[in-house]
Amino acid sequence: IIDSRIPVSSRNPMLDEIIGDKPRIIIMNK
């Protein structure tokens, strides 16, 4: 879940490393 007003800042950069190859979708909230 990210904030549509700040699509970059609301993405935790650590999540890419944590989630790895696990399938993912981004939900642009608000």
Full PDB file with SEQRES, HELIX, SHEET, SSBOND, CRYST1, ORIGX, SCALE, CONECT and MASTER records, all heavy atoms in Angstrom:
SEQRES   1 A   30  ILE ILE ASP SER ARG ILE PRO VAL SER SER ARG ASN PRO          
SEQRES   2 A   30  MET LEU ASP GLU ILE ILE GLY ASP LYS PRO ARG ILE ILE          
SEQRES   3 A   30  ILE MET ASN LYS                                              
HELIX    1 AA1 MET A   14  ILE A   19  1                                   6    
SHEET    1 AA1 2 ILE A   2  ASP A   3  0                                        
SHEET    2 AA1 2 MET A  28  ASN A  29  1                                        
CRYST1    1.000    1.000    1.000  90.00  90.00  90.00 P 1           1          
ORIGX1      1.000000  0.000000  0.000000        0.00000                         
ORIGX2      0.000000  1.000000  0.000000        0.00000                         
ORIGX3      0.000000  0.000000  1.000000        0.00000                         
SCALE1      1.000000  0.000000  0.000000        0.00000                         
SCALE2      0.000000  1.000000  0.000000        0.00000                         
SCALE3      0.000000  0.000000  1.000000        0.00000                         
ATOM      1  N   ILE A   1       0.851  -1.189   0.000  1.00  0.00           N  
ATOM      2  CA  ILE A   1       0.000   0.000   0.000  1.00  0.00           C  
ATOM      3  C   ILE A   1       0.886   1.237   0.000  1.00  0.00           C  
ATOM      4  O   ILE A   1       1.761   1.389   0.857  1.00  0.00           O  
ATOM      5  CB  ILE A   1      -0.915   0.046   1.239  1.00  0.00           C  
ATOM      6  CG1 ILE A   1      -1.623  -1.290   1.448  1.00  0.00           C  
ATOM      7  CG2 ILE A   1      -1.911   1.182   1.114  1.00  0.00           C  
ATOM      8  CD1 ILE A   1      -2.681  -1.618   0.461  1.00  0.00           C  
ATOM      9  N   ILE A   2       0.675   2.123  -0.977  1.00  0.00           N  
ATOM     10  CA  ILE A   2       1.428   3.379  -1.001  1.00  0.00           C  
ATOM     11  C   ILE A   2       0.456   4.557  -1.039  1.00  0.00           C  
ATOM     12  O   ILE A   2      -0.734   4.387  -1.307  1.00  0.00           O  
ATOM     13  CB  ILE A   2       2.398   3.450  -2.198  1.00  0.00           C  
ATOM     14  CG1 ILE A   2       1.629   3.554  -3.523  1.00  0.00           C  
ATOM     15  CG2 ILE A   2       3.327   2.250  -2.205  1.00  0.00           C  
ATOM     16  CD1 ILE A   2       2.528   3.827  -4.716  1.00  0.00           C  
ATOM     17  N   ASP A   3       0.957   5.723  -0.761  1.00  0.00           N  
ATOM     18  CA  ASP A   3       0.169   6.958  -0.794  1.00  0.00           C  
ATOM     19  C   ASP A   3       0.314   7.573  -2.181  1.00  0.00           C  
ATOM     20  O   ASP A   3       1.419   7.922  -2.595  1.00  0.00           O  
ATOM     21  CB  ASP A   3       0.684   7.919   0.285  1.00  0.00           C  
ATOM     22  CG  ASP A   3      -0.210   9.142   0.477  1.00  0.00           C  
ATOM     23  OD1 ASP A   3      -0.746   9.666  -0.528  1.00  0.00           O  
ATOM     24  OD2 ASP A   3      -0.351   9.591   1.628  1.00  0.00           O  
ATOM     25  N   SER A   4      -0.798   7.710  -2.896  1.00  0.00           N  
ATOM     26  CA  SER A   4      -0.758   8.216  -4.268  1.00  0.00           C  
ATOM     27  C   SER A   4      -0.180   9.625  -4.378  1.00  0.00           C  
ATOM     28  O   SER A   4       0.293  10.011  -5.442  1.00  0.00           O  
ATOM     29  CB  SER A   4      -2.167   8.207  -4.870  1.00  0.00           C  
ATOM     30  OG  SER A   4      -2.637   6.890  -5.003  1.00  0.00           O  
ATOM     31  N   ARG A   5      -0.213  10.379  -3.292  1.00  0.00           N  
ATOM     32  CA  ARG A   5       0.334  11.740  -3.321  1.00  0.00           C  
ATOM     33  C   ARG A   5       1.853  11.731  -3.328  1.00  0.00           C  
ATOM     34  O   ARG A   5       2.486  12.658  -3.813  1.00  0.00           O  
ATOM     35  CB  ARG A   5      -0.180  12.543  -2.118  1.00  0.00           C  
ATOM     36  CG  ARG A   5      -1.682  12.741  -2.103  1.00  0.00           C  
ATOM     37  CD  ARG A   5      -2.162  13.268  -0.757  1.00  0.00           C  
ATOM     38  NE  ARG A   5      -1.920  12.288   0.313  1.00  0.00           N  
ATOM     39  CZ  ARG A   5      -2.242  12.481   1.585  1.00  0.00           C  
ATOM     40  NH1 ARG A   5      -2.805  13.626   1.955  1.00  0.00           N  
ATOM     41  NH2 ARG A   5      -2.011  11.540   2.490  1.00  0.00           N  
ATOM     42  N   ILE A   6       2.451  10.647  -2.774  1.00  0.00           N  
ATOM     43  CA  ILE A   6       3.914  10.555  -2.686  1.00  0.00           C  
ATOM     44  C   ILE A   6       4.343   9.120  -3.045  1.00  0.00           C  
ATOM     45  O   ILE A   6       4.821   8.377  -2.184  1.00  0.00           O  
ATOM     46  CB  ILE A   6       4.424  10.953  -1.287  1.00  0.00           C  
ATOM     47  CG1 ILE A   6       3.662  10.200  -0.182  1.00  0.00           C  
ATOM     48  CG2 ILE A   6       4.298  12.447  -1.079  1.00  0.00           C  
ATOM     49  CD1 ILE A   6       4.283  10.378   1.206  1.00  0.00           C  
ATOM     50  N   PRO A   7       4.210   8.723  -4.307  1.00  0.00           N  
ATOM     51  CA  PRO A   7       4.489   7.339  -4.709  1.00  0.00           C  
ATOM     52  C   PRO A   7       5.927   6.877  -4.489  1.00  0.00           C  
ATOM     53  O   PRO A   7       6.178   5.679  -4.400  1.00  0.00           O  
ATOM     54  CB  PRO A   7       4.155   7.337  -6.210  1.00  0.00           C  
ATOM     55  CG  PRO A   7       3.204   8.457  -6.391  1.00  0.00           C  
ATOM     56  CD  PRO A   7       3.671   9.511  -5.428  1.00  0.00           C  
ATOM     57  N   VAL A   8       6.852   7.810  -4.419  1.00  0.00           N  
ATOM     58  CA  VAL A   8       8.255   7.437  -4.165  1.00  0.00           C  
ATOM     59  C   VAL A   8       8.520   7.385  -2.666  1.00  0.00           C  
ATOM     60  O   VAL A   8       8.990   6.373  -2.135  1.00  0.00           O  
ATOM     61  CB  VAL A   8       9.224   8.427  -4.833  1.00  0.00           C  
ATOM     62  CG1 VAL A   8      10.664   8.087  -4.472  1.00  0.00           C  
ATOM     63  CG2 VAL A   8       9.049   8.412  -6.347  1.00  0.00           C  
ATOM     64  N   SER A   9       8.202   8.456  -1.985  1.00  0.00           N  
ATOM     65  CA  SER A   9       8.502   8.547  -0.556  1.00  0.00           C  
ATOM     66  C   SER A   9       7.740   7.534   0.278  1.00  0.00           C  
ATOM     67  O   SER A   9       8.207   7.133   1.352  1.00  0.00           O  
ATOM     68  CB  SER A   9       8.194   9.963  -0.050  1.00  0.00           C  
ATOM     69  OG  SER A   9       9.023  10.921  -0.675  1.00  0.00           O  
ATOM     70  N   SER A  10       6.564   7.114  -0.184  1.00  0.00           N  
ATOM     71  CA  SER A  10       5.757   6.179   0.607  1.00  0.00           C  
ATOM     72  C   SER A  10       6.097   4.719   0.333  1.00  0.00           C  
ATOM     73  O   SER A  10       5.424   3.820   0.824  1.00  0.00           O  
ATOM     74  CB  SER A  10       4.263   6.407   0.367  1.00  0.00           C  
ATOM     75  OG  SER A  10       3.912   6.219  -0.992  1.00  0.00           O  
ATOM     76  N   ARG A  11       7.154   4.488  -0.447  1.00  0.00           N  
ATOM     77  CA  ARG A  11       7.638   3.122  -0.679  1.00  0.00           C  
ATOM     78  C   ARG A  11       8.899   2.891   0.145  1.00  0.00           C  
ATOM     79  O   ARG A  11       9.910   3.568  -0.057  1.00  0.00           O  
ATOM     80  CB  ARG A  11       7.921   2.874  -2.161  1.00  0.00           C  
ATOM     81  CG  ARG A  11       6.706   2.930  -3.046  1.00  0.00           C  
ATOM     82  CD  ARG A  11       7.010   2.330  -4.404  1.00  0.00           C  
ATOM     83  NE  ARG A  11       7.200   0.883  -4.295  1.00  0.00           N  
ATOM     84  CZ  ARG A  11       7.893   0.156  -5.175  1.00  0.00           C  
ATOM     85  NH1 ARG A  11       8.507   0.749  -6.196  1.00  0.00           N  
ATOM     86  NH2 ARG A  11       7.996  -1.145  -5.026  1.00  0.00           N  
ATOM     87  N   ASN A  12       8.818   1.969   1.072  1.00  0.00           N  
ATOM     88  CA  ASN A  12       9.974   1.646   1.901  1.00  0.00           C  
ATOM     89  C   ASN A  12      11.016   0.927   1.050  1.00  0.00           C  
ATOM     90  O   ASN A  12      10.767  -0.172   0.558  1.00  0.00           O  
ATOM     91  CB  ASN A  12       9.533   0.749   3.063  1.00  0.00           C  
ATOM     92  CG  ASN A  12      10.629   0.521   4.083  1.00  0.00           C  
ATOM     93  OD1 ASN A  12      11.816   0.559   3.757  1.00  0.00           O  
ATOM     94  ND2 ASN A  12      10.245   0.287   5.317  1.00  0.00           N  
ATOM     95  N   PRO A  13      12.200   1.505   0.858  1.00  0.00           N  
ATOM     96  CA  PRO A  13      13.215   0.887   0.007  1.00  0.00           C  
ATOM     97  C   PRO A  13      13.698  -0.462   0.526  1.00  0.00           C  
ATOM     98  O   PRO A  13      14.219  -1.276  -0.234  1.00  0.00           O  
ATOM     99  CB  PRO A  13      14.348   1.915  -0.013  1.00  0.00           C  
ATOM    100  CG  PRO A  13      14.137   2.741   1.207  1.00  0.00           C  
ATOM    101  CD  PRO A  13      12.658   2.797   1.404  1.00  0.00           C  
ATOM    102  N   MET A  14      13.504  -0.725   1.833  1.00  0.00           N  
ATOM    103  CA  MET A  14      13.918  -2.006   2.389  1.00  0.00           C  
ATOM    104  C   MET A  14      13.020  -3.149   1.918  1.00  0.00           C  
ATOM    105  O   MET A  14      13.427  -4.312   1.927  1.00  0.00           O  
ATOM    106  CB  MET A  14      13.891  -1.954   3.920  1.00  0.00           C  
ATOM    107  CG  MET A  14      14.923  -1.043   4.537  1.00  0.00           C  
ATOM    108  SD  MET A  14      15.082  -1.324   6.332  1.00  0.00           S  
ATOM    109  CE  MET A  14      13.389  -1.092   6.875  1.00  0.00           C  
ATOM    110  N   LEU A  15      11.784  -2.827   1.507  1.00  0.00           N  
ATOM    111  CA  LEU A  15      10.842  -3.871   1.141  1.00  0.00           C  
ATOM    112  C   LEU A  15      11.285  -4.671  -0.079  1.00  0.00           C  
ATOM    113  O   LEU A  15      11.011  -5.866  -0.177  1.00  0.00           O  
ATOM    114  CB  LEU A  15       9.456  -3.269   0.896  1.00  0.00           C  
ATOM    115  CG  LEU A  15       8.667  -2.869   2.147  1.00  0.00           C  
ATOM    116  CD1 LEU A  15       7.348  -2.223   1.762  1.00  0.00           C  
ATOM    117  CD2 LEU A  15       8.424  -4.078   3.045  1.00  0.00           C  
ATOM    118  N   ASP A  16      11.959  -4.010  -1.022  1.00  0.00           N  
ATOM    119  CA  ASP A  16      12.435  -4.730  -2.203  1.00  0.00           C  
ATOM    120  C   ASP A  16      13.360  -5.876  -1.802  1.00  0.00           C  
ATOM    121  O   ASP A  16      13.264  -6.988  -2.330  1.00  0.00           O  
ATOM    122  CB  ASP A  16      13.171  -3.782  -3.158  1.00  0.00           C  
ATOM    123  CG  ASP A  16      12.218  -2.885  -3.927  1.00  0.00           C  
ATOM    124  OD1 ASP A  16      11.048  -3.276  -4.098  1.00  0.00           O  
ATOM    125  OD2 ASP A  16      12.635  -1.797  -4.352  1.00  0.00           O  
ATOM    126  N   GLU A  17      14.238  -5.590  -0.862  1.00  0.00           N  
ATOM    127  CA  GLU A  17      15.170  -6.612  -0.386  1.00  0.00           C  
ATOM    128  C   GLU A  17      14.442  -7.665   0.436  1.00  0.00           C  
ATOM    129  O   GLU A  17      14.713  -8.871   0.316  1.00  0.00           O  
ATOM    130  CB  GLU A  17      16.274  -5.956   0.460  1.00  0.00           C  
ATOM    131  CG  GLU A  17      17.284  -6.943   1.019  1.00  0.00           C  
ATOM    132  CD  GLU A  17      18.329  -6.257   1.889  1.00  0.00           C  
ATOM    133  OE1 GLU A  17      18.388  -5.014   1.896  1.00  0.00           O  
ATOM    134  OE2 GLU A  17      19.091  -6.988   2.553  1.00  0.00           O  
ATOM    135  N   ILE A  18      13.505  -7.214   1.273  1.00  0.00           N  
ATOM    136  CA  ILE A  18      12.779  -8.132   2.150  1.00  0.00           C  
ATOM    137  C   ILE A  18      11.881  -9.067   1.349  1.00  0.00           C  
ATOM    138  O   ILE A  18      11.876 -10.289   1.552  1.00  0.00           O  
ATOM    139  CB  ILE A  18      11.924  -7.345   3.171  1.00  0.00           C  
ATOM    140  CG1 ILE A  18      12.821  -6.577   4.146  1.00  0.00           C  
ATOM    141  CG2 ILE A  18      10.998  -8.287   3.942  1.00  0.00           C  
ATOM    142  CD1 ILE A  18      12.073  -5.626   5.049  1.00  0.00           C  
ATOM    143  N   ILE A  19      11.112  -8.506   0.404  1.00  0.00           N  
ATOM    144  CA  ILE A  19      10.137  -9.291  -0.351  1.00  0.00           C  
ATOM    145  C   ILE A  19      10.800 -10.166  -1.401  1.00  0.00           C  
ATOM    146  O   ILE A  19      10.355 -11.274  -1.684  1.00  0.00           O  
ATOM    147  CB  ILE A  19       9.101  -8.350  -1.006  1.00  0.00           C  
ATOM    148  CG1 ILE A  19       8.288  -7.634   0.088  1.00  0.00           C  
ATOM    149  CG2 ILE A  19       8.159  -9.124  -1.927  1.00  0.00           C  
ATOM    150  CD1 ILE A  19       7.378  -6.548  -0.435  1.00  0.00           C  
ATOM    151  N   GLY A  20      11.878  -9.665  -1.996  1.00  0.00           N  
ATOM    152  CA  GLY A  20      12.612 -10.452  -2.984  1.00  0.00           C  
ATOM    153  C   GLY A  20      11.772 -10.789  -4.208  1.00  0.00           C  
ATOM    154  O   GLY A  20      11.134  -9.909  -4.795  1.00  0.00           O  
ATOM    155  N   ASP A  21      11.725 -12.078  -4.564  1.00  0.00           N  
ATOM    156  CA  ASP A  21      11.015 -12.512  -5.763  1.00  0.00           C  
ATOM    157  C   ASP A  21       9.546 -12.846  -5.513  1.00  0.00           C  
ATOM    158  O   ASP A  21       8.859 -13.321  -6.420  1.00  0.00           O  
ATOM    159  CB  ASP A  21      11.704 -13.747  -6.373  1.00  0.00           C  
ATOM    160  CG  ASP A  21      13.108 -13.421  -6.877  1.00  0.00           C  
ATOM    161  OD1 ASP A  21      13.325 -12.265  -7.286  1.00  0.00           O  
ATOM    162  OD2 ASP A  21      13.976 -14.321  -6.838  1.00  0.00           O  
ATOM    163  N   LYS A  22       9.071 -12.650  -4.308  1.00  0.00           N  
ATOM    164  CA  LYS A  22       7.669 -12.941  -3.994  1.00  0.00           C  
ATOM    165  C   LYS A  22       6.765 -12.074  -4.873  1.00  0.00           C  
ATOM    166  O   LYS A  22       7.005 -10.876  -5.019  1.00  0.00           O  
ATOM    167  CB  LYS A  22       7.396 -12.644  -2.521  1.00  0.00           C  
ATOM    168  CG  LYS A  22       5.963 -12.903  -2.066  1.00  0.00           C  
ATOM    169  CD  LYS A  22       5.660 -14.377  -1.949  1.00  0.00           C  
ATOM    170  CE  LYS A  22       6.370 -15.026  -0.805  1.00  0.00           C  
ATOM    171  NZ  LYS A  22       5.931 -16.427  -0.577  1.00  0.00           N  
ATOM    172  N   PRO A  23       5.740 -12.656  -5.511  1.00  0.00           N  
ATOM    173  CA  PRO A  23       4.817 -11.848  -6.327  1.00  0.00           C  
ATOM    174  C   PRO A  23       4.257 -10.675  -5.536  1.00  0.00           C  
ATOM    175  O   PRO A  23       3.985 -10.786  -4.338  1.00  0.00           O  
ATOM    176  CB  PRO A  23       3.717 -12.851  -6.691  1.00  0.00           C  
ATOM    177  CG  PRO A  23       4.401 -14.181  -6.662  1.00  0.00           C  
ATOM    178  CD  PRO A  23       5.392 -14.083  -5.536  1.00  0.00           C  
ATOM    179  N   ARG A  24       4.098  -9.542  -6.240  1.00  0.00           N  
ATOM    180  CA  ARG A  24       3.687  -8.320  -5.538  1.00  0.00           C  
ATOM    181  C   ARG A  24       2.804  -7.472  -6.426  1.00  0.00           C  
ATOM    182  O   ARG A  24       2.960  -7.437  -7.642  1.00  0.00           O  
ATOM    183  CB  ARG A  24       4.942  -7.520  -5.151  1.00  0.00           C  
ATOM    184  CG  ARG A  24       4.609  -6.205  -4.485  1.00  0.00           C  
ATOM    185  CD  ARG A  24       5.786  -5.331  -4.089  1.00  0.00           C  
ATOM    186  NE  ARG A  24       7.112  -5.793  -4.394  1.00  0.00           N  
ATOM    187  CZ  ARG A  24       8.219  -5.099  -4.078  1.00  0.00           C  
ATOM    188  NH1 ARG A  24       8.103  -3.946  -3.460  1.00  0.00           N  
ATOM    189  NH2 ARG A  24       9.397  -5.553  -4.389  1.00  0.00           N  
ATOM    190  N   ILE A  25       1.869  -6.769  -5.805  1.00  0.00           N  
ATOM    191  CA  ILE A  25       1.114  -5.722  -6.485  1.00  0.00           C  
ATOM    192  C   ILE A  25       1.223  -4.448  -5.649  1.00  0.00           C  
ATOM    193  O   ILE A  25       1.431  -4.511  -4.437  1.00  0.00           O  
ATOM    194  CB  ILE A  25      -0.374  -6.095  -6.700  1.00  0.00           C  
ATOM    195  CG1 ILE A  25      -1.076  -6.342  -5.362  1.00  0.00           C  
ATOM    196  CG2 ILE A  25      -0.510  -7.288  -7.619  1.00  0.00           C  
ATOM    197  CD1 ILE A  25      -2.566  -6.605  -5.512  1.00  0.00           C  
ATOM    198  N   ILE A  26       1.132  -3.315  -6.310  1.00  0.00           N  
ATOM    199  CA  ILE A  26       1.143  -2.029  -5.616  1.00  0.00           C  
ATOM    200  C   ILE A  26      -0.264  -1.450  -5.646  1.00  0.00           C  
ATOM    201  O   ILE A  26      -0.892  -1.379  -6.706  1.00  0.00           O  
ATOM    202  CB  ILE A  26       2.138  -1.055  -6.264  1.00  0.00           C  
ATOM    203  CG1 ILE A  26       3.571  -1.466  -5.913  1.00  0.00           C  
ATOM    204  CG2 ILE A  26       1.881   0.378  -5.810  1.00  0.00           C  
ATOM    205  CD1 ILE A  26       4.632  -0.557  -6.492  1.00  0.00           C  
ATOM    206  N   ILE A  27      -0.740  -1.081  -4.479  1.00  0.00           N  
ATOM    207  CA  ILE A  27      -2.057  -0.475  -4.370  1.00  0.00           C  
ATOM    208  C   ILE A  27      -1.873   1.003  -4.045  1.00  0.00           C  
ATOM    209  O   ILE A  27      -1.418   1.362  -2.960  1.00  0.00           O  
ATOM    210  CB  ILE A  27      -2.907  -1.174  -3.300  1.00  0.00           C  
ATOM    211  CG1 ILE A  27      -3.160  -2.631  -3.721  1.00  0.00           C  
ATOM    212  CG2 ILE A  27      -4.221  -0.438  -3.080  1.00  0.00           C  
ATOM    213  CD1 ILE A  27      -3.927  -3.451  -2.736  1.00  0.00           C  
ATOM    214  N   MET A  28      -2.206   1.846  -5.016  1.00  0.00           N  
ATOM    215  CA  MET A  28      -2.057   3.291  -4.850  1.00  0.00           C  
ATOM    216  C   MET A  28      -3.275   3.829  -4.100  1.00  0.00           C  
ATOM    217  O   MET A  28      -4.308   4.120  -4.673  1.00  0.00           O  
ATOM    218  CB  MET A  28      -1.905   3.961  -6.214  1.00  0.00           C  
ATOM    219  CG  MET A  28      -0.626   3.576  -6.932  1.00  0.00           C  
ATOM    220  SD  MET A  28      -0.477   4.333  -8.564  1.00  0.00           S  
ATOM    221  CE  MET A  28      -0.559   6.083  -8.153  1.00  0.00           C  
ATOM    222  N   ASN A  29      -3.111   3.952  -2.790  1.00  0.00           N  
ATOM    223  CA  ASN A  29      -4.200   4.380  -1.922  1.00  0.00           C  
ATOM    224  C   ASN A  29      -4.332   5.908  -1.914  1.00  0.00           C  
ATOM    225  O   ASN A  29      -3.420   6.622  -2.314  1.00  0.00           O  
ATOM    226  CB  ASN A  29      -3.936   3.859  -0.506  1.00  0.00           C  
ATOM    227  CG  ASN A  29      -5.148   3.965   0.389  1.00  0.00           C  
ATOM    228  OD1 ASN A  29      -6.284   4.016  -0.092  1.00  0.00           O  
ATOM    229  ND2 ASN A  29      -4.918   3.989   1.688  1.00  0.00           N  
ATOM    230  N   LYS A  30      -5.480   6.382  -1.462  1.00  0.00           N  
ATOM    231  CA  LYS A  30      -5.761   7.817  -1.348  1.00  0.00           C  
ATOM    232  C   LYS A  30      -5.678   8.507  -2.712  1.00  0.00           C  
ATOM    233  O   LYS A  30      -5.278   9.676  -2.803  1.00  0.00           O  
ATOM    234  CB  LYS A  30      -4.811   8.474  -0.340  1.00  0.00           C  
ATOM    235  CG  LYS A  30      -4.845   7.789   1.032  1.00  0.00           C  
ATOM    236  CD  LYS A  30      -3.968   8.475   2.054  1.00  0.00           C  
ATOM    237  CE  LYS A  30      -4.006   7.716   3.377  1.00  0.00           C  
ATOM    238  NZ  LYS A  30      -3.192   8.328   4.432  1.00  0.00           N  
TER     239      LYS A  30                                                      
MASTER        0    0    0    1    2    0    0    6  238    1    0    3          
END                                                                             
